[in-house]
Amino acid sequence: MKKLIPLILIGFVACNQKSSEPDSEPETSITHTKTMVYAVDLNSVFHEDLNDENFSDIAPLTQQLVSDVLNGKLKAFDPVSEEILTAEQVKSLLQFTDTIWFENEETGDKSIDILERDYTKDFFGLTFKEQWSYNAEGSIIERKVLGLAPRIPVYSSQGGELRGYTSAFWVKYE
């Protein structure tokens, strides 16, 4: 037993000694990620925070995007249910008949205007969905496009006033 105690003590002391190698430093590469969704039109920006950007050259991008969806090269997704849309469903979203009711305030007479809308080549903008990542170590911001959505106008059925814009469908790039 006397021979065993010195061996135990040597083992105990060896285990408690610090290594001469430096400890590995904890990872300081903290990345913050946020999903950004913003809309731009063909001439300017809808989103106030991005008003210094020039997006006037997105018309060819939008035309190609819609063309690829209608030709079946890209999948389109419903903006609400996120279900896959066929090329025919997308075409019906972009080409449709719009009925607008008008009422003459003085006489009370009502009239109807029927308009053929075609947004397959006439665009108002794009909605971008991007993942923005900020790496604190290198002060680097990276952007990854998650989806694009062509924007089309929405008009009221009473009087035909422009109510705003909506995303017709999404093309996802995740």
Protein backbone atom coordinates (compact mmCIF):
# COMPACT_ATOMS: atom_id res chain seq x y z
CA MET A 1 0.00 0.00 0.00
CA LYS A 2 2.94 2.31 0.75
CA LYS A 3 4.12 1.89 -2.86
CA LEU A 4 0.68 2.68 -4.21
CA ILE A 5 0.24 6.04 -2.41
CA PRO A 6 3.19 7.78 -4.16
CA LEU A 7 1.85 6.63 -7.54
CA ILE A 8 -1.60 7.98 -6.72
CA LEU A 9 -0.07 11.30 -5.58
CA ILE A 10 2.02 11.59 -8.76
CA GLY A 11 -1.09 10.89 -10.87
CA PHE A 12 -3.11 13.44 -8.90
CA VAL A 13 -0.45 16.14 -9.26
CA ALA A 14 -0.04 15.41 -12.99
CA CYS A 15 -3.76 15.75 -13.58
CA ASN A 16 -3.96 19.10 -11.78
CA GLN A 17 -1.06 20.73 -13.63
CA LYS A 18 -1.92 23.24 -16.33
CA SER A 19 -0.89 22.49 -19.85
CA SER A 20 1.83 24.68 -21.31
CA GLU A 21 -0.30 25.06 -24.46
CA PRO A 22 -2.56 28.11 -24.53
CA ASP A 23 -6.26 27.48 -24.10
CA SER A 24 -8.24 27.75 -27.29
CA GLU A 25 -10.14 31.00 -27.32
CA PRO A 26 -13.92 30.86 -27.48
CA GLU A 27 -15.40 31.56 -30.88
CA THR A 28 -15.99 35.29 -31.24
CA SER A 29 -17.62 35.09 -34.65
CA ILE A 30 -21.11 36.13 -33.62
CA THR A 31 -23.52 36.29 -36.53
CA HIS A 32 -26.85 38.08 -36.32
CA THR A 33 -29.45 37.11 -38.92
CA LYS A 34 -32.70 38.81 -39.88
CA THR A 35 -35.19 38.16 -42.66
CA MET A 36 -35.97 41.33 -44.57
CA VAL A 37 -39.00 41.78 -46.83
CA TYR A 38 -39.20 44.94 -48.88
CA ALA A 39 -40.89 46.07 -52.06
CA VAL A 40 -39.54 48.14 -54.90
CA ASP A 41 -41.28 49.48 -57.97
CA LEU A 42 -39.76 49.91 -61.41
CA ASN A 43 -38.93 53.57 -60.88
CA SER A 44 -38.44 54.05 -57.17
CA VAL A 45 -38.71 52.34 -53.82
CA PHE A 46 -41.84 51.75 -51.74
CA HIS A 47 -39.83 51.10 -48.59
CA GLU A 48 -38.61 54.35 -47.01
CA ASP A 49 -35.37 52.96 -45.58
CA LEU A 50 -34.04 52.01 -49.01
CA ASN A 51 -34.75 55.25 -50.87
CA ASP A 52 -31.12 55.80 -51.88
CA GLU A 53 -31.09 52.68 -54.05
CA ASN A 54 -31.74 52.80 -57.79
CA PHE A 55 -34.00 49.91 -58.78
CA SER A 56 -34.98 51.22 -62.21
CA ASP A 57 -33.32 48.26 -63.91
CA ILE A 58 -35.46 45.50 -62.37
CA ALA A 59 -37.95 45.43 -65.28
CA PRO A 60 -35.90 42.86 -67.27
CA LEU A 61 -35.46 40.76 -64.13
CA THR A 62 -39.21 40.80 -63.49
CA GLN A 63 -40.04 39.99 -67.11
CA GLN A 64 -37.67 37.00 -67.08
CA LEU A 65 -39.00 35.81 -63.72
CA VAL A 66 -42.62 35.80 -64.92
CA SER A 67 -41.64 34.25 -68.25
CA ASP A 68 -39.79 31.41 -66.49
CA VAL A 69 -42.78 30.75 -64.22
CA LEU A 70 -45.24 30.73 -67.13
CA ASN A 71 -42.92 28.37 -69.07
CA GLY A 72 -42.63 26.01 -66.09
CA LYS A 73 -38.91 26.63 -65.49
CA LEU A 74 -39.56 28.03 -61.99
CA LYS A 75 -42.10 27.06 -59.34
CA ALA A 76 -44.54 29.69 -58.13
CA PHE A 77 -46.09 29.67 -54.67
CA ASP A 78 -49.33 31.22 -53.44
CA PRO A 79 -48.45 34.23 -51.23
CA VAL A 80 -50.99 33.24 -48.53
CA SER A 81 -51.21 29.43 -48.47
CA GLU A 82 -47.68 28.85 -49.85
CA GLU A 83 -49.04 26.04 -52.05
CA ILE A 84 -47.43 25.45 -55.43
CA LEU A 85 -49.25 27.17 -58.29
CA THR A 86 -49.40 25.81 -61.82
CA ALA A 87 -48.44 27.97 -64.80
CA GLU A 88 -52.15 28.24 -65.68
CA GLN A 89 -53.01 29.44 -62.17
CA VAL A 90 -50.27 32.07 -62.37
CA LYS A 91 -51.53 33.18 -65.77
CA SER A 92 -55.04 33.59 -64.36
CA LEU A 93 -53.60 35.75 -61.55
CA LEU A 94 -51.87 37.98 -64.07
CA GLN A 95 -54.51 38.08 -66.84
CA PHE A 96 -58.09 38.66 -65.78
CA THR A 97 -61.23 40.69 -66.33
CA ASP A 98 -61.91 43.39 -63.76
CA THR A 99 -65.39 44.81 -63.18
CA ILE A 100 -65.64 48.31 -61.71
CA TRP A 101 -68.90 49.81 -60.50
CA PHE A 102 -69.47 53.54 -60.71
CA GLU A 103 -72.28 55.54 -59.16
CA ASN A 104 -73.10 59.07 -60.19
CA GLU A 105 -73.46 60.99 -56.94
CA GLU A 106 -75.91 63.52 -58.38
CA THR A 107 -78.29 61.18 -60.19
CA GLY A 108 -77.64 57.90 -58.38
CA ASP A 109 -77.21 56.16 -61.74
CA LYS A 110 -74.94 53.14 -61.67
CA SER A 111 -72.64 52.03 -64.46
CA ILE A 112 -70.13 49.26 -64.99
CA ASP A 113 -66.72 49.31 -66.65
CA ILE A 114 -65.18 46.02 -67.65
CA LEU A 115 -61.41 46.11 -68.01
CA GLU A 116 -59.08 43.43 -69.32
CA ARG A 117 -55.98 43.37 -67.11
CA ASP A 118 -52.74 41.78 -68.31
CA TYR A 119 -49.75 41.86 -65.96
CA THR A 120 -47.73 39.19 -67.78
CA LYS A 121 -45.55 41.89 -69.35
CA ASP A 122 -46.56 45.06 -67.51
CA PHE A 123 -45.07 45.14 -64.01
CA PHE A 124 -45.16 47.48 -61.09
CA GLY A 125 -42.29 46.07 -59.08
CA LEU A 126 -40.90 43.23 -57.03
CA THR A 127 -41.05 42.21 -53.42
CA PHE A 128 -37.75 40.85 -52.15
CA LYS A 129 -37.41 38.42 -49.27
CA GLU A 130 -33.80 38.24 -48.14
CA GLN A 131 -31.80 36.86 -45.26
CA TRP A 132 -29.34 39.46 -44.02
CA SER A 133 -26.48 38.16 -41.86
CA TYR A 134 -24.06 40.35 -39.94
CA ASN A 135 -20.76 38.83 -38.83
CA ALA A 136 -19.48 40.89 -35.89
CA GLU A 137 -15.92 39.57 -36.16
CA GLY A 138 -15.32 40.79 -39.68
CA SER A 139 -18.02 43.49 -39.78
CA ILE A 140 -19.43 41.77 -42.86
CA ILE A 141 -23.04 41.88 -44.01
CA GLU A 142 -24.13 39.12 -46.35
CA ARG A 143 -27.47 39.04 -48.16
CA LYS A 144 -29.11 35.92 -49.53
CA VAL A 145 -32.25 36.12 -51.67
CA LEU A 146 -34.91 33.76 -50.32
CA GLY A 147 -37.71 34.77 -52.67
CA LEU A 148 -39.02 37.21 -55.27
CA ALA A 149 -42.62 38.22 -55.90
CA PRO A 150 -43.91 40.35 -58.79
CA ARG A 151 -46.19 43.15 -57.57
CA ILE A 152 -49.51 43.98 -59.19
CA PRO A 153 -51.96 46.78 -58.36
CA VAL A 154 -55.23 46.25 -56.52
CA TYR A 155 -58.18 48.46 -57.43
CA SER A 156 -61.45 48.94 -55.56
CA SER A 157 -64.56 47.44 -57.15
CA GLN A 158 -66.45 50.66 -56.31
CA GLY A 159 -64.99 53.51 -58.37
CA GLY A 160 -61.82 51.72 -59.43
CA GLU A 161 -59.44 53.65 -57.18
CA LEU A 162 -55.98 52.25 -56.63
CA ARG A 163 -55.93 50.62 -53.18
CA GLY A 164 -52.34 49.46 -53.20
CA TYR A 165 -50.14 46.67 -54.48
CA THR A 166 -49.92 42.98 -53.71
CA SER A 167 -47.55 40.14 -54.45
CA ALA A 168 -49.06 38.00 -57.22
CA PHE A 169 -46.99 34.91 -56.30
CA TRP A 170 -43.62 33.98 -54.78
CA VAL A 171 -40.64 32.28 -56.37
CA LYS A 172 -38.53 30.78 -53.58
CA TYR A 173 -34.75 30.43 -53.68
CA GLU A 174 -34.15 28.67 -50.37
